Amino acid sequence: MKQPRSLSVVIPAYCERDNILQTLENVTRALEGLDLAREILVVDDGSTDGTGELVRSNLARFPGARLIVHERNLGFGAAYRRGVAEAALDHIVMVHGDNAWGWQTLRDFFSRVGDADVIIGYTRHMTRSRTWRRTAISKLFTLILNLITGRRLHYYNGLQIHRAAVLKSLRIESTGYGFQPEVLVKGLRLTKTYVEVPMDLIERKHGESKAFRVKNFVDVARTLRLLRTLESASLPDAEAARVSER
């Protein structure tokens, strides 16, 4: 039996004035026609380019959307945790504010709500949308995480749909880009099933990626150490098992 079909979409945004409205348009269009109760939470993480003001002045265009504001930049992970804390529905997904996903691939992904405890998105044909260097780094990171966890996942830094009750119970220590793998690994340890869903990435058209910052590399290294320690400890009685894709 499928779980209740409702979805909170959390959109962290830091200085994404040129991308945030298109992100909201794609998310809103993706949700149209799906049998899902929904809400959209934009977390403006102390932007200095007017991102929050732009969202506030356009909220009426996006049903179910509301704005949460951090007075200063607290980091990607902190913005995500704030959105999770504020979310009110049965499932939660984070969508980046940089307009990296078109509405079609988002709709396919959102439609999987309830198919498993955790829905894991991964980028197919990554070299079509990213440089070979960034692709190589992503694949190396995935390989390291699979070696640590003993899993064979396609990707750890993609979109993830989690049951809200599980997600709200997690203690997430990472603050930067390492938080997504931490959320996924810890979430899988507390649930029964997962499914991996291929997605088509559209690399950002405006602004620069904030992933390759020194503080993020430090956070990722810290996350790897944390997960290695976690996985070397005693495992829970049952971990999530992969279910068949459609």
Foldseek 3Di string as FASTA:
>chain_A
DFDAAEEEEEEEDAQQQVQQVVVLVLLQLLCPPAPYHYAYEYEYQQHPNCNQVVCVVCVVVHPRYDYHYDNHHQEDQVSVLVSLVPDDDFKYKYDYSQNFAGNVLSNVQSNCHRVFQKEAEDEPPVVVADPPVVVVVQQVLQVLVCVLQVDDDRGQQGMMMHGSVLQNPDDFDFGYSLRSNVSVSSRQLVTAAYEYDYGHTHPGPDDDDPCPDPVNVVSNVVSSVVSSVVNVDDGPPHGYDYDDDD
